[in-house]
N, C-alpha and C. Protein backbone atom coordinates (compact mmCIF):
# COMPACT_ATOMS: atom_id res chain seq x y z
N UNK A 1 -2.45 167.22 88.71
CA UNK A 1 -3.50 166.21 88.24
C UNK A 1 -3.85 166.67 86.84
N UNK A 2 -3.90 165.77 85.93
CA UNK A 2 -4.33 166.04 84.61
C UNK A 2 -5.86 166.23 84.58
N UNK A 3 -6.35 166.68 83.42
CA UNK A 3 -7.78 166.85 83.32
C UNK A 3 -8.52 165.51 83.42
N UNK A 4 -9.57 165.45 84.15
CA UNK A 4 -10.27 164.19 84.29
C UNK A 4 -11.32 164.13 83.18
N UNK A 5 -11.51 162.94 82.60
CA UNK A 5 -12.47 162.77 81.61
C UNK A 5 -13.91 162.90 82.14
N UNK A 6 -14.66 163.78 81.45
CA UNK A 6 -16.02 164.12 81.92
C UNK A 6 -16.89 162.93 82.12
N UNK A 7 -16.79 161.86 81.30
CA UNK A 7 -17.68 160.75 81.42
C UNK A 7 -17.37 160.03 82.72
N UNK A 8 -16.11 160.03 83.13
CA UNK A 8 -15.74 159.30 84.42
C UNK A 8 -16.24 160.11 85.61
N UNK A 9 -16.06 161.40 85.52
CA UNK A 9 -16.58 162.31 86.58
C UNK A 9 -18.09 162.22 86.72
N UNK A 10 -18.77 162.24 85.59
CA UNK A 10 -20.23 162.10 85.52
C UNK A 10 -20.69 160.80 86.13
N UNK A 11 -20.01 159.73 85.81
CA UNK A 11 -20.38 158.37 86.38
C UNK A 11 -20.18 158.41 87.86
N UNK A 12 -19.11 159.01 88.35
CA UNK A 12 -18.84 159.08 89.80
C UNK A 12 -19.92 159.92 90.47
N UNK A 13 -20.13 161.12 90.02
CA UNK A 13 -21.15 162.02 90.64
C UNK A 13 -22.52 161.35 90.70
N UNK A 14 -22.92 160.73 89.61
CA UNK A 14 -24.24 160.11 89.50
C UNK A 14 -24.34 158.93 90.45
N UNK A 15 -23.31 158.13 90.45
CA UNK A 15 -23.28 156.95 91.43
C UNK A 15 -23.29 157.36 92.85
N UNK A 16 -22.53 158.38 93.12
CA UNK A 16 -22.42 158.92 94.54
C UNK A 16 -23.74 159.53 94.93
N UNK A 17 -24.43 160.25 94.03
CA UNK A 17 -25.67 160.90 94.33
C UNK A 17 -26.79 159.87 94.57
N UNK A 18 -26.85 158.85 93.67
CA UNK A 18 -27.89 157.81 93.68
C UNK A 18 -27.55 156.70 94.67
N UNK A 19 -26.31 156.60 94.98
CA UNK A 19 -25.80 155.51 95.87
C UNK A 19 -26.08 154.10 95.29
N UNK A 20 -26.05 154.00 93.94
CA UNK A 20 -26.32 152.70 93.34
C UNK A 20 -25.71 152.75 91.88
N UNK A 21 -24.92 151.76 91.55
CA UNK A 21 -24.33 151.80 90.25
C UNK A 21 -25.32 151.41 89.08
N UNK A 22 -26.27 150.55 89.39
CA UNK A 22 -27.31 150.24 88.41
C UNK A 22 -28.21 151.37 88.08
N UNK A 23 -28.63 152.10 89.11
CA UNK A 23 -29.53 153.27 88.89
C UNK A 23 -28.71 154.39 88.22
N UNK A 24 -27.39 154.49 88.54
CA UNK A 24 -26.56 155.51 87.85
C UNK A 24 -26.49 155.13 86.41
N UNK A 25 -26.27 153.91 86.05
CA UNK A 25 -26.21 153.50 84.66
C UNK A 25 -27.50 153.82 83.90
N UNK A 26 -28.67 153.47 84.57
CA UNK A 26 -29.90 153.84 83.95
C UNK A 26 -30.07 155.35 83.69
N UNK A 27 -29.69 156.14 84.69
CA UNK A 27 -29.79 157.63 84.66
C UNK A 27 -28.93 158.09 83.51
N UNK A 28 -27.74 157.51 83.29
CA UNK A 28 -26.74 157.93 82.31
C UNK A 28 -26.99 157.32 80.95
N UNK A 29 -27.94 156.39 80.89
CA UNK A 29 -28.23 155.59 79.63
C UNK A 29 -27.01 154.86 79.14
N UNK A 30 -26.30 154.25 80.05
CA UNK A 30 -25.17 153.35 79.73
C UNK A 30 -25.30 152.05 80.52
N UNK A 31 -24.43 151.09 80.30
CA UNK A 31 -24.51 149.85 81.05
C UNK A 31 -23.85 149.99 82.41
N UNK A 32 -24.26 149.09 83.30
CA UNK A 32 -23.66 149.13 84.62
C UNK A 32 -22.17 148.80 84.59
N UNK A 33 -21.70 147.83 83.75
CA UNK A 33 -20.25 147.70 83.56
C UNK A 33 -19.54 148.90 83.13
N UNK A 34 -20.20 149.73 82.28
CA UNK A 34 -19.57 151.00 81.84
C UNK A 34 -19.36 151.93 83.00
N UNK A 35 -20.31 151.98 83.91
CA UNK A 35 -20.19 152.84 85.15
C UNK A 35 -19.03 152.30 85.97
N UNK A 36 -18.98 150.98 86.16
CA UNK A 36 -17.96 150.33 86.99
C UNK A 36 -16.58 150.64 86.37
N UNK A 37 -16.43 150.48 85.06
CA UNK A 37 -15.18 150.78 84.36
C UNK A 37 -14.77 152.23 84.48
N UNK A 38 -15.73 153.12 84.39
CA UNK A 38 -15.42 154.53 84.53
C UNK A 38 -14.87 154.83 85.93
N UNK A 39 -15.54 154.29 86.91
CA UNK A 39 -15.06 154.46 88.31
C UNK A 39 -13.69 153.81 88.52
N UNK A 40 -13.45 152.71 87.92
CA UNK A 40 -12.09 152.05 88.07
C UNK A 40 -11.06 152.97 87.54
N UNK A 41 -11.25 153.51 86.35
CA UNK A 41 -10.25 154.34 85.70
C UNK A 41 -10.07 155.62 86.55
N UNK A 42 -11.13 156.20 87.06
CA UNK A 42 -11.05 157.38 87.92
C UNK A 42 -10.29 157.07 89.22
N UNK A 43 -10.57 155.86 89.77
CA UNK A 43 -9.88 155.51 90.97
C UNK A 43 -8.37 155.39 90.77
N UNK A 44 -7.94 154.85 89.63
CA UNK A 44 -6.54 154.81 89.30
C UNK A 44 -5.87 156.17 89.24
N UNK A 45 -6.58 157.11 88.69
CA UNK A 45 -6.01 158.47 88.60
C UNK A 45 -5.96 159.12 89.93
N UNK A 46 -7.03 159.03 90.74
CA UNK A 46 -7.13 159.71 91.97
C UNK A 46 -6.52 158.98 93.18
N UNK A 47 -6.25 157.68 92.98
CA UNK A 47 -5.64 156.92 94.08
C UNK A 47 -6.54 156.74 95.30
N UNK A 48 -7.83 156.64 95.07
CA UNK A 48 -8.81 156.44 96.15
C UNK A 48 -9.92 155.47 95.60
N UNK A 49 -10.52 154.71 96.48
CA UNK A 49 -11.57 153.79 96.06
C UNK A 49 -12.76 154.52 95.60
N UNK A 50 -13.06 155.72 96.03
CA UNK A 50 -14.13 156.61 95.71
C UNK A 50 -15.44 156.12 96.29
N UNK A 51 -15.77 154.88 96.15
CA UNK A 51 -17.06 154.34 96.69
C UNK A 51 -16.79 153.01 97.29
N UNK A 52 -17.54 152.62 98.35
CA UNK A 52 -17.45 151.29 98.91
C UNK A 52 -18.86 150.69 98.84
N UNK A 53 -18.83 149.36 98.73
CA UNK A 53 -20.13 148.64 98.63
C UNK A 53 -20.84 148.64 99.94
N UNK A 54 -22.10 148.92 99.96
CA UNK A 54 -22.93 148.85 101.14
C UNK A 54 -24.23 148.14 100.72
N UNK A 55 -24.30 146.80 101.06
CA UNK A 55 -25.47 146.07 100.74
C UNK A 55 -25.60 146.03 99.22
N UNK A 56 -26.69 146.56 98.63
CA UNK A 56 -26.90 146.56 97.19
C UNK A 56 -26.48 147.86 96.60
N UNK A 57 -25.97 148.78 97.44
CA UNK A 57 -25.62 150.12 96.94
C UNK A 57 -24.13 150.42 97.20
N UNK A 58 -23.82 151.67 97.07
CA UNK A 58 -22.48 152.20 97.33
C UNK A 58 -22.51 153.42 98.20
N UNK A 59 -21.39 153.71 98.86
CA UNK A 59 -21.27 154.80 99.73
C UNK A 59 -19.99 155.54 99.37
N UNK A 60 -20.00 156.82 99.07
CA UNK A 60 -18.76 157.55 98.79
C UNK A 60 -17.76 157.51 99.95
N UNK A 61 -16.55 157.43 99.65
CA UNK A 61 -15.51 157.49 100.71
C UNK A 61 -15.36 158.96 101.20
N UNK A 62 -14.73 159.15 102.31
CA UNK A 62 -14.53 160.59 102.76
C UNK A 62 -13.76 161.42 101.74
N UNK A 63 -12.76 160.86 101.10
CA UNK A 63 -12.02 161.68 100.07
C UNK A 63 -12.90 161.97 98.88
N UNK A 64 -13.73 161.03 98.45
CA UNK A 64 -14.66 161.22 97.37
C UNK A 64 -15.64 162.32 97.71
N UNK A 65 -16.16 162.37 98.92
CA UNK A 65 -17.04 163.46 99.31
C UNK A 65 -16.34 164.81 99.32
N UNK A 66 -15.13 164.83 99.69
CA UNK A 66 -14.28 166.06 99.65
C UNK A 66 -14.09 166.53 98.18
N UNK A 67 -13.82 165.57 97.34
CA UNK A 67 -13.63 165.95 95.87
C UNK A 67 -14.88 166.41 95.24
N UNK A 68 -15.99 165.78 95.67
CA UNK A 68 -17.30 166.04 95.07
C UNK A 68 -17.70 167.45 95.38
């Protein structure tokens, strides 16, 4: 696996910890679409969804928890 871009990892960790993409964006001082795009790019590299939608929030997948 190549080195993972820190901004993508930071977006994932923040979203997983807060369980919400909008709150993650606010915490990181970026837009919610930027968090979604970072997660999409990270998903492509890792081959896992990383988070699943749960109501208005997100839940990390089992693989994402293992990586975290």
